[in-house]
Amino acid sequence: MTNHPDPLIAWALLAAAGVVVASLVPLGAARSQADFTVADLGAPRAMFERLPAWGKRATWAHQNSFEAFTLFAPACLLALVSGVHGTMPTGLALAWPALRLVYIGAYVANQPPLRSLCWAGAMVCTGVLYVEGLRAVLGG
């Protein structure tokens, strides 16, 4: 462990934020198929029932993107401020955005086993970053 932040973990955090933004793409496509109008801006959730089945899954994937990011971002920040370095934590930090992108695609495509595998893999990535960050802070 060194005292300076690993720039690859910082890039992983930036990419993770990009995944949350990217989750808007299938949601926007679904809304366009549900005849989204300016009037829907007043209550965008009210149009949920007009979405096709894949659009509903896109909505849930988008919402889950925020939930997952709120766990991953602090793990990355802990790793950054504690100076975590190494192939495993850096690799897992970089794997998280890729897993989450595949998760979104699997969710929209209604592929539950792949979706669940990606969800679990991303959770492992997050957990390892917390563990490594805590080990660095506690001197273990």
N, C-alpha and C. Protein backbone atom coordinates (compact mmCIF):
# COMPACT_ATOMS: atom_id res chain seq x y z
N MET A 1 0.84 -1.18 0.00
CA MET A 1 0.00 0.00 0.00
C MET A 1 0.89 1.25 0.00
N THR A 2 0.53 2.23 -0.77
CA THR A 2 1.24 3.49 -0.79
C THR A 2 0.29 4.59 -0.37
N ASN A 3 0.83 5.78 -0.17
CA ASN A 3 0.01 6.88 0.32
C ASN A 3 -0.69 7.67 -0.78
N HIS A 4 -0.31 7.49 -2.01
CA HIS A 4 -0.96 8.26 -3.07
C HIS A 4 -2.06 7.42 -3.73
N PRO A 5 -3.11 8.09 -4.20
CA PRO A 5 -4.24 7.36 -4.80
C PRO A 5 -3.86 6.66 -6.10
N ASP A 6 -4.50 5.54 -6.34
CA ASP A 6 -4.32 4.81 -7.58
C ASP A 6 -5.22 5.46 -8.64
N PRO A 7 -4.64 6.04 -9.68
CA PRO A 7 -5.46 6.73 -10.68
C PRO A 7 -6.45 5.82 -11.39
N LEU A 8 -6.14 4.53 -11.50
CA LEU A 8 -7.07 3.62 -12.16
C LEU A 8 -8.36 3.44 -11.36
N ILE A 9 -8.24 3.50 -10.04
CA ILE A 9 -9.45 3.42 -9.21
C ILE A 9 -10.27 4.69 -9.40
N ALA A 10 -9.60 5.82 -9.55
CA ALA A 10 -10.33 7.07 -9.82
C ALA A 10 -11.03 6.99 -11.17
N TRP A 11 -10.37 6.42 -12.16
CA TRP A 11 -11.01 6.26 -13.48
C TRP A 11 -12.20 5.30 -13.40
N ALA A 12 -12.06 4.27 -12.58
CA ALA A 12 -13.17 3.33 -12.40
C ALA A 12 -14.38 4.03 -11.78
N LEU A 13 -14.13 4.92 -10.84
CA LEU A 13 -15.21 5.68 -10.23
C LEU A 13 -15.89 6.58 -11.26
N LEU A 14 -15.11 7.22 -12.09
CA LEU A 14 -15.67 8.05 -13.16
C LEU A 14 -16.47 7.20 -14.15
N ALA A 15 -15.94 6.04 -14.51
CA ALA A 15 -16.67 5.15 -15.42
C ALA A 15 -17.97 4.65 -14.79
N ALA A 16 -17.94 4.42 -13.49
CA ALA A 16 -19.15 3.97 -12.79
C ALA A 16 -20.24 5.04 -12.85
N ALA A 17 -19.85 6.29 -12.70
CA ALA A 17 -20.82 7.38 -12.84
C ALA A 17 -21.36 7.42 -14.26
N GLY A 18 -20.49 7.13 -15.22
CA GLY A 18 -20.93 7.07 -16.61
C GLY A 18 -21.94 5.96 -16.87
N VAL A 19 -21.81 4.87 -16.14
CA VAL A 19 -22.77 3.76 -16.28
C VAL A 19 -24.16 4.21 -15.85
N VAL A 20 -24.21 5.00 -14.77
CA VAL A 20 -25.52 5.51 -14.32
C VAL A 20 -26.14 6.36 -15.43
N VAL A 21 -25.34 7.20 -16.05
CA VAL A 21 -25.84 8.03 -17.15
C VAL A 21 -26.22 7.15 -18.34
N ALA A 22 -25.39 6.15 -18.64
CA ALA A 22 -25.68 5.26 -19.77
C ALA A 22 -26.98 4.48 -19.57
N SER A 23 -27.38 4.27 -18.33
CA SER A 23 -28.62 3.54 -18.07
C SER A 23 -29.84 4.31 -18.55
N LEU A 24 -29.65 5.59 -18.88
CA LEU A 24 -30.74 6.39 -19.44
C LEU A 24 -31.04 6.05 -20.90
N VAL A 25 -30.07 5.46 -21.60
CA VAL A 25 -30.25 5.18 -23.03
C VAL A 25 -31.42 4.22 -23.29
N PRO A 26 -31.43 3.03 -22.67
CA PRO A 26 -32.59 2.16 -22.93
C PRO A 26 -33.88 2.74 -22.36
N LEU A 27 -33.79 3.46 -21.26
CA LEU A 27 -34.99 4.08 -20.69
C LEU A 27 -35.55 5.13 -21.65
N GLY A 28 -34.69 5.93 -22.23
CA GLY A 28 -35.14 6.93 -23.20
C GLY A 28 -35.75 6.28 -24.43
N ALA A 29 -35.14 5.18 -24.88
CA ALA A 29 -35.69 4.47 -26.04
C ALA A 29 -37.08 3.92 -25.72
N ALA A 30 -37.25 3.40 -24.53
CA ALA A 30 -38.55 2.86 -24.13
C ALA A 30 -39.60 3.97 -24.03
N ARG A 31 -39.19 5.09 -23.48
CA ARG A 31 -40.14 6.21 -23.38
C ARG A 31 -40.54 6.72 -24.75
N SER A 32 -39.62 6.70 -25.69
CA SER A 32 -39.98 7.15 -27.04
C SER A 32 -40.99 6.20 -27.67
N GLN A 33 -40.92 4.93 -27.36
CA GLN A 33 -41.90 3.97 -27.88
C GLN A 33 -43.25 4.08 -27.16
N ALA A 34 -43.25 4.72 -26.00
CA ALA A 34 -44.49 4.87 -25.23
C ALA A 34 -45.12 6.24 -25.49
N ASP A 35 -44.73 6.87 -26.60
CA ASP A 35 -45.29 8.17 -26.99
C ASP A 35 -45.09 9.23 -25.92
N PHE A 36 -43.87 9.33 -25.42
CA PHE A 36 -43.52 10.34 -24.43
C PHE A 36 -43.76 11.72 -25.02
N THR A 37 -44.46 12.57 -24.28
CA THR A 37 -44.75 13.94 -24.72
C THR A 37 -44.28 14.92 -23.66
N VAL A 38 -44.30 16.18 -24.01
CA VAL A 38 -43.91 17.23 -23.07
C VAL A 38 -44.81 17.19 -21.83
N ALA A 39 -46.06 16.82 -22.01
CA ALA A 39 -46.98 16.73 -20.87
C ALA A 39 -46.51 15.68 -19.85
N ASP A 40 -45.80 14.66 -20.32
CA ASP A 40 -45.30 13.62 -19.41
C ASP A 40 -44.20 14.14 -18.48
N LEU A 41 -43.60 15.26 -18.80
CA LEU A 41 -42.57 15.82 -17.93
C LEU A 41 -43.12 16.19 -16.56
N GLY A 42 -44.42 16.48 -16.50
CA GLY A 42 -45.05 16.83 -15.23
C GLY A 42 -45.15 15.65 -14.28
N ALA A 43 -45.21 14.44 -14.81
CA ALA A 43 -45.29 13.24 -14.00
C ALA A 43 -44.70 12.06 -14.79
N PRO A 44 -43.37 12.04 -14.95
CA PRO A 44 -42.75 11.02 -15.80
C PRO A 44 -42.98 9.59 -15.32
N ARG A 45 -43.18 9.40 -14.03
CA ARG A 45 -43.42 8.04 -13.53
C ARG A 45 -44.81 7.54 -13.87
N ALA A 46 -45.72 8.46 -14.13
CA ALA A 46 -47.09 8.06 -14.45
C ALA A 46 -47.16 7.31 -15.78
N MET A 47 -46.19 7.51 -16.64
CA MET A 47 -46.22 6.84 -17.95
C MET A 47 -45.67 5.42 -17.88
N PHE A 48 -45.26 4.97 -16.71
CA PHE A 48 -44.66 3.65 -16.56
C PHE A 48 -45.54 2.55 -17.15
N GLU A 49 -46.83 2.63 -16.92
CA GLU A 49 -47.74 1.59 -17.42
C GLU A 49 -47.84 1.56 -18.94
N ARG A 50 -47.46 2.64 -19.60
CA ARG A 50 -47.48 2.67 -21.06
C ARG A 50 -46.23 2.06 -21.68
N LEU A 51 -45.22 1.81 -20.87
CA LEU A 51 -43.97 1.27 -21.39
C LEU A 51 -44.13 -0.19 -21.79
N PRO A 52 -43.40 -0.59 -22.84
CA PRO A 52 -43.38 -2.03 -23.17
C PRO A 52 -42.67 -2.78 -22.04
N ALA A 53 -42.80 -4.09 -22.01
CA ALA A 53 -42.20 -4.90 -20.94
C ALA A 53 -40.70 -4.62 -20.80
N TRP A 54 -39.99 -4.55 -21.93
CA TRP A 54 -38.55 -4.29 -21.85
C TRP A 54 -38.29 -2.88 -21.32
N GLY A 55 -39.20 -1.96 -21.57
CA GLY A 55 -39.06 -0.60 -21.06
C GLY A 55 -39.23 -0.53 -19.56
N LYS A 56 -40.12 -1.36 -19.05
CA LYS A 56 -40.27 -1.44 -17.58
C LYS A 56 -38.99 -1.98 -16.96
N ARG A 57 -38.41 -2.99 -17.61
CA ARG A 57 -37.14 -3.53 -17.10
C ARG A 57 -36.03 -2.49 -17.22
N ALA A 58 -36.06 -1.66 -18.27
CA ALA A 58 -35.08 -0.58 -18.42
C ALA A 58 -35.23 0.42 -17.27
N THR A 59 -36.45 0.68 -16.88
CA THR A 59 -36.70 1.58 -15.75
C THR A 59 -36.10 1.00 -14.47
N TRP A 60 -36.35 -0.27 -14.24
CA TRP A 60 -35.82 -0.91 -13.03
C TRP A 60 -34.29 -0.97 -13.06
N ALA A 61 -33.72 -1.22 -14.23
CA ALA A 61 -32.26 -1.25 -14.35
C ALA A 61 -31.68 0.14 -14.06
N HIS A 62 -32.35 1.17 -14.55
CA HIS A 62 -31.90 2.54 -14.30
C HIS A 62 -31.96 2.85 -12.80
N GLN A 63 -33.05 2.50 -12.17
CA GLN A 63 -33.18 2.75 -10.73
C GLN A 63 -32.13 1.98 -9.94
N ASN A 64 -31.88 0.72 -10.33
CA ASN A 64 -30.88 -0.07 -9.64
C ASN A 64 -29.48 0.47 -9.86
N SER A 65 -29.26 1.16 -10.97
CA SER A 65 -27.95 1.76 -11.22
C SER A 65 -27.60 2.79 -10.15
N PHE A 66 -28.59 3.57 -9.74
CA PHE A 66 -28.36 4.53 -8.66
C PHE A 66 -28.06 3.80 -7.35
N GLU A 67 -28.83 2.77 -7.07
CA GLU A 67 -28.65 2.02 -5.83
C GLU A 67 -27.25 1.40 -5.76
N ALA A 68 -26.82 0.79 -6.85
CA ALA A 68 -25.51 0.15 -6.87
C ALA A 68 -24.39 1.18 -6.77
N PHE A 69 -24.57 2.31 -7.45
CA PHE A 69 -23.54 3.35 -7.41
C PHE A 69 -23.35 3.91 -6.00
N THR A 70 -24.44 3.99 -5.24
CA THR A 70 -24.31 4.54 -3.88
C THR A 70 -23.54 3.61 -2.96
N LEU A 71 -23.39 2.35 -3.31
CA LEU A 71 -22.52 1.45 -2.56
C LEU A 71 -21.09 1.47 -3.09
N PHE A 72 -20.96 1.52 -4.40
CA PHE A 72 -19.64 1.44 -5.02
C PHE A 72 -18.83 2.72 -4.84
N ALA A 73 -19.44 3.87 -5.00
CA ALA A 73 -18.70 5.13 -4.93
C ALA A 73 -17.96 5.30 -3.60
N PRO A 74 -18.60 5.09 -2.45
CA PRO A 74 -17.85 5.22 -1.19
C PRO A 74 -16.72 4.18 -1.07
N ALA A 75 -16.93 2.99 -1.63
CA ALA A 75 -15.86 1.99 -1.59
C ALA A 75 -14.65 2.47 -2.38
N CYS A 76 -14.90 3.06 -3.54
CA CYS A 76 -13.80 3.62 -4.34
C CYS A 76 -13.12 4.77 -3.61
N LEU A 77 -13.93 5.64 -3.04
CA LEU A 77 -13.36 6.79 -2.31
C LEU A 77 -12.51 6.33 -1.13
N LEU A 78 -12.99 5.32 -0.40
CA LEU A 78 -12.20 4.76 0.70
C LEU A 78 -10.88 4.20 0.19
N ALA A 79 -10.93 3.47 -0.91
CA ALA A 79 -9.71 2.93 -1.50
C ALA A 79 -8.77 4.04 -1.95
N LEU A 80 -9.34 5.10 -2.50
CA LEU A 80 -8.51 6.22 -2.96
C LEU A 80 -7.84 6.95 -1.81
N VAL A 81 -8.61 7.31 -0.79
CA VAL A 81 -8.04 8.10 0.30
C VAL A 81 -7.10 7.27 1.18
N SER A 82 -7.29 5.96 1.20
CA SER A 82 -6.42 5.12 2.02
C SER A 82 -5.20 4.62 1.25
N GLY A 83 -5.12 4.95 -0.04
CA GLY A 83 -3.95 4.59 -0.84
C GLY A 83 -3.89 3.13 -1.24
N VAL A 84 -5.04 2.50 -1.42
CA VAL A 84 -5.07 1.10 -1.84
C VAL A 84 -4.47 0.97 -3.25
N HIS A 85 -3.57 0.00 -3.39
CA HIS A 85 -2.96 -0.33 -4.68
C HIS A 85 -2.92 -1.83 -4.81
N GLY A 86 -2.81 -2.30 -6.00
CA GLY A 86 -2.67 -3.73 -6.22
C GLY A 86 -3.51 -4.16 -7.40
N THR A 87 -3.09 -5.26 -7.98
CA THR A 87 -3.77 -5.78 -9.16
C THR A 87 -5.21 -6.15 -8.85
N MET A 88 -5.44 -6.82 -7.72
CA MET A 88 -6.79 -7.28 -7.42
C MET A 88 -7.76 -6.12 -7.17
N PRO A 89 -7.48 -5.21 -6.23
CA PRO A 89 -8.46 -4.14 -6.01
C PRO A 89 -8.64 -3.23 -7.24
N THR A 90 -7.57 -2.96 -7.93
CA THR A 90 -7.67 -2.11 -9.12
C THR A 90 -8.46 -2.83 -10.21
N GLY A 91 -8.16 -4.10 -10.42
CA GLY A 91 -8.89 -4.88 -11.42
C GLY A 91 -10.37 -4.98 -11.11
N LEU A 92 -10.69 -5.18 -9.85
CA LEU A 92 -12.11 -5.28 -9.46
C LEU A 92 -12.81 -3.93 -9.59
N ALA A 93 -12.10 -2.86 -9.27
CA ALA A 93 -12.69 -1.52 -9.45
C ALA A 93 -13.00 -1.27 -10.92
N LEU A 94 -12.11 -1.70 -11.79
CA LEU A 94 -12.33 -1.53 -13.23
C LEU A 94 -13.37 -2.50 -13.78
N ALA A 95 -13.51 -3.65 -13.14
CA ALA A 95 -14.50 -4.64 -13.59
C ALA A 95 -15.92 -4.18 -13.27
N TRP A 96 -16.10 -3.41 -12.20
CA TRP A 96 -17.43 -3.01 -11.76
C TRP A 96 -18.23 -2.31 -12.86
N PRO A 97 -17.68 -1.28 -13.52
CA PRO A 97 -18.48 -0.64 -14.59
C PRO A 97 -18.84 -1.59 -15.72
N ALA A 98 -17.92 -2.47 -16.07
CA ALA A 98 -18.21 -3.43 -17.15
C ALA A 98 -19.32 -4.39 -16.73
N LEU A 99 -19.24 -4.89 -15.51
CA LEU A 99 -20.28 -5.79 -15.01
C LEU A 99 -21.64 -5.09 -14.98
N ARG A 100 -21.64 -3.84 -14.59
CA ARG A 100 -22.90 -3.10 -14.49
C ARG A 100 -23.48 -2.81 -15.87
N LEU A 101 -22.63 -2.56 -16.85
CA LEU A 101 -23.15 -2.37 -18.22
C LEU A 101 -23.79 -3.65 -18.74
N VAL A 102 -23.13 -4.78 -18.51
CA VAL A 102 -23.71 -6.05 -18.92
C VAL A 102 -25.00 -6.31 -18.14
N TYR A 103 -25.01 -5.95 -16.86
CA TYR A 103 -26.21 -6.09 -16.02
C TYR A 103 -27.40 -5.35 -16.65
N ILE A 104 -27.16 -4.11 -17.06
CA ILE A 104 -28.24 -3.32 -17.66
C ILE A 104 -28.76 -4.01 -18.93
N GLY A 105 -27.83 -4.43 -19.79
CA GLY A 105 -28.24 -5.11 -21.01
C GLY A 105 -29.00 -6.39 -20.72
N ALA A 106 -28.52 -7.16 -19.74
CA ALA A 106 -29.19 -8.41 -19.38
C ALA A 106 -30.57 -8.15 -18.78
N TYR A 107 -30.68 -7.10 -18.01
CA TYR A 107 -31.98 -6.76 -17.40
C TYR A 107 -32.98 -6.40 -18.49
N VAL A 108 -32.58 -5.52 -19.39
CA VAL A 108 -33.47 -5.08 -20.47
C VAL A 108 -33.84 -6.26 -21.38
N ALA A 109 -32.88 -7.15 -21.64
CA ALA A 109 -33.10 -8.29 -22.52
C ALA A 109 -33.80 -9.46 -21.81
N ASN A 110 -34.11 -9.28 -20.53
CA ASN A 110 -34.82 -10.31 -19.75
C ASN A 110 -34.02 -11.60 -19.66
N GLN A 111 -32.76 -11.45 -19.23
CA GLN A 111 -31.86 -12.58 -19.03
C GLN A 111 -31.51 -12.68 -17.54
N PRO A 112 -32.44 -13.16 -16.69
CA PRO A 112 -32.23 -13.14 -15.24
C PRO A 112 -30.95 -13.83 -14.75
N PRO A 113 -30.55 -14.99 -15.27
CA PRO A 113 -29.31 -15.60 -14.75
C PRO A 113 -28.08 -14.72 -14.98
N LEU A 114 -27.95 -14.18 -16.19
CA LEU A 114 -26.81 -13.31 -16.48
C LEU A 114 -26.89 -12.03 -15.64
N ARG A 115 -28.08 -11.47 -15.55
CA ARG A 115 -28.28 -10.27 -14.74
C ARG A 115 -27.85 -10.52 -13.30
N SER A 116 -28.28 -11.62 -12.74
CA SER A 116 -27.95 -11.94 -11.34
C SER A 116 -26.46 -12.18 -11.15
N LEU A 117 -25.84 -12.84 -12.11
CA LEU A 117 -24.39 -13.07 -12.05
C LEU A 117 -23.63 -11.75 -12.06
N CYS A 118 -24.03 -10.84 -12.93
CA CYS A 118 -23.38 -9.53 -13.00
C CYS A 118 -23.62 -8.72 -11.73
N TRP A 119 -24.84 -8.80 -11.21
CA TRP A 119 -25.14 -8.10 -9.95
C TRP A 119 -24.24 -8.61 -8.83
N ALA A 120 -24.17 -9.94 -8.71
CA ALA A 120 -23.35 -10.53 -7.65
C ALA A 120 -21.87 -10.19 -7.84
N GLY A 121 -21.39 -10.26 -9.08
CA GLY A 121 -20.00 -9.92 -9.34
C GLY A 121 -19.67 -8.49 -8.96
N ALA A 122 -20.56 -7.58 -9.29
CA ALA A 122 -20.35 -6.17 -8.94
C ALA A 122 -20.38 -5.98 -7.43
N MET A 123 -21.24 -6.73 -6.74
CA MET A 123 -21.28 -6.63 -5.28
C MET A 123 -19.97 -7.14 -4.66
N VAL A 124 -19.41 -8.19 -5.23
CA VAL A 124 -18.12 -8.70 -4.76
C VAL A 124 -17.04 -7.64 -4.97
N CYS A 125 -17.04 -7.00 -6.14
CA CYS A 125 -16.08 -5.93 -6.40
C CYS A 125 -16.18 -4.84 -5.33
N THR A 126 -17.40 -4.43 -5.04
CA THR A 126 -17.63 -3.40 -4.04
C THR A 126 -17.14 -3.85 -2.67
N GLY A 127 -17.49 -5.06 -2.29
CA GLY A 127 -17.09 -5.58 -0.99
C GLY A 127 -15.59 -5.66 -0.82
N VAL A 128 -14.89 -6.12 -1.85
CA VAL A 128 -13.43 -6.22 -1.78
C VAL A 128 -12.81 -4.83 -1.62
N LEU A 129 -13.35 -3.85 -2.32
CA LEU A 129 -12.81 -2.49 -2.17
C LEU A 129 -12.99 -1.97 -0.75
N TYR A 130 -14.14 -2.25 -0.15
CA TYR A 130 -14.34 -1.86 1.25
C TYR A 130 -13.33 -2.56 2.17
N VAL A 131 -13.16 -3.85 1.98
CA VAL A 131 -12.24 -4.62 2.80
C VAL A 131 -10.81 -4.10 2.65
N GLU A 132 -10.38 -3.90 1.41
CA GLU A 132 -9.02 -3.42 1.17
C GLU A 132 -8.83 -2.00 1.74
N GLY A 133 -9.83 -1.16 1.57
CA GLY A 133 -9.75 0.19 2.12
C GLY A 133 -9.67 0.18 3.64
N LEU A 134 -10.50 -0.64 4.26
CA LEU A 134 -10.46 -0.74 5.74
C LEU A 134 -9.16 -1.32 6.22
N ARG A 135 -8.64 -2.32 5.51
CA ARG A 135 -7.34 -2.89 5.88
C ARG A 135 -6.25 -1.83 5.83
N ALA A 136 -6.29 -0.99 4.81
CA ALA A 136 -5.27 0.06 4.68
C ALA A 136 -5.41 1.09 5.79
N VAL A 137 -6.64 1.46 6.12
CA VAL A 137 -6.87 2.45 7.17
C VAL A 137 -6.48 1.90 8.54
N LEU A 138 -6.81 0.65 8.78
CA LEU A 138 -6.54 0.04 10.09
C LEU A 138 -5.13 -0.54 10.21
N GLY A 139 -4.38 -0.45 9.12
CA GLY A 139 -3.00 -0.91 9.14
C GLY A 139 -2.84 -2.42 9.07
N GLY A 140 -3.82 -3.09 8.49
CA GLY A 140 -3.77 -4.56 8.43
C GLY A 140 -3.27 -4.97 7.15
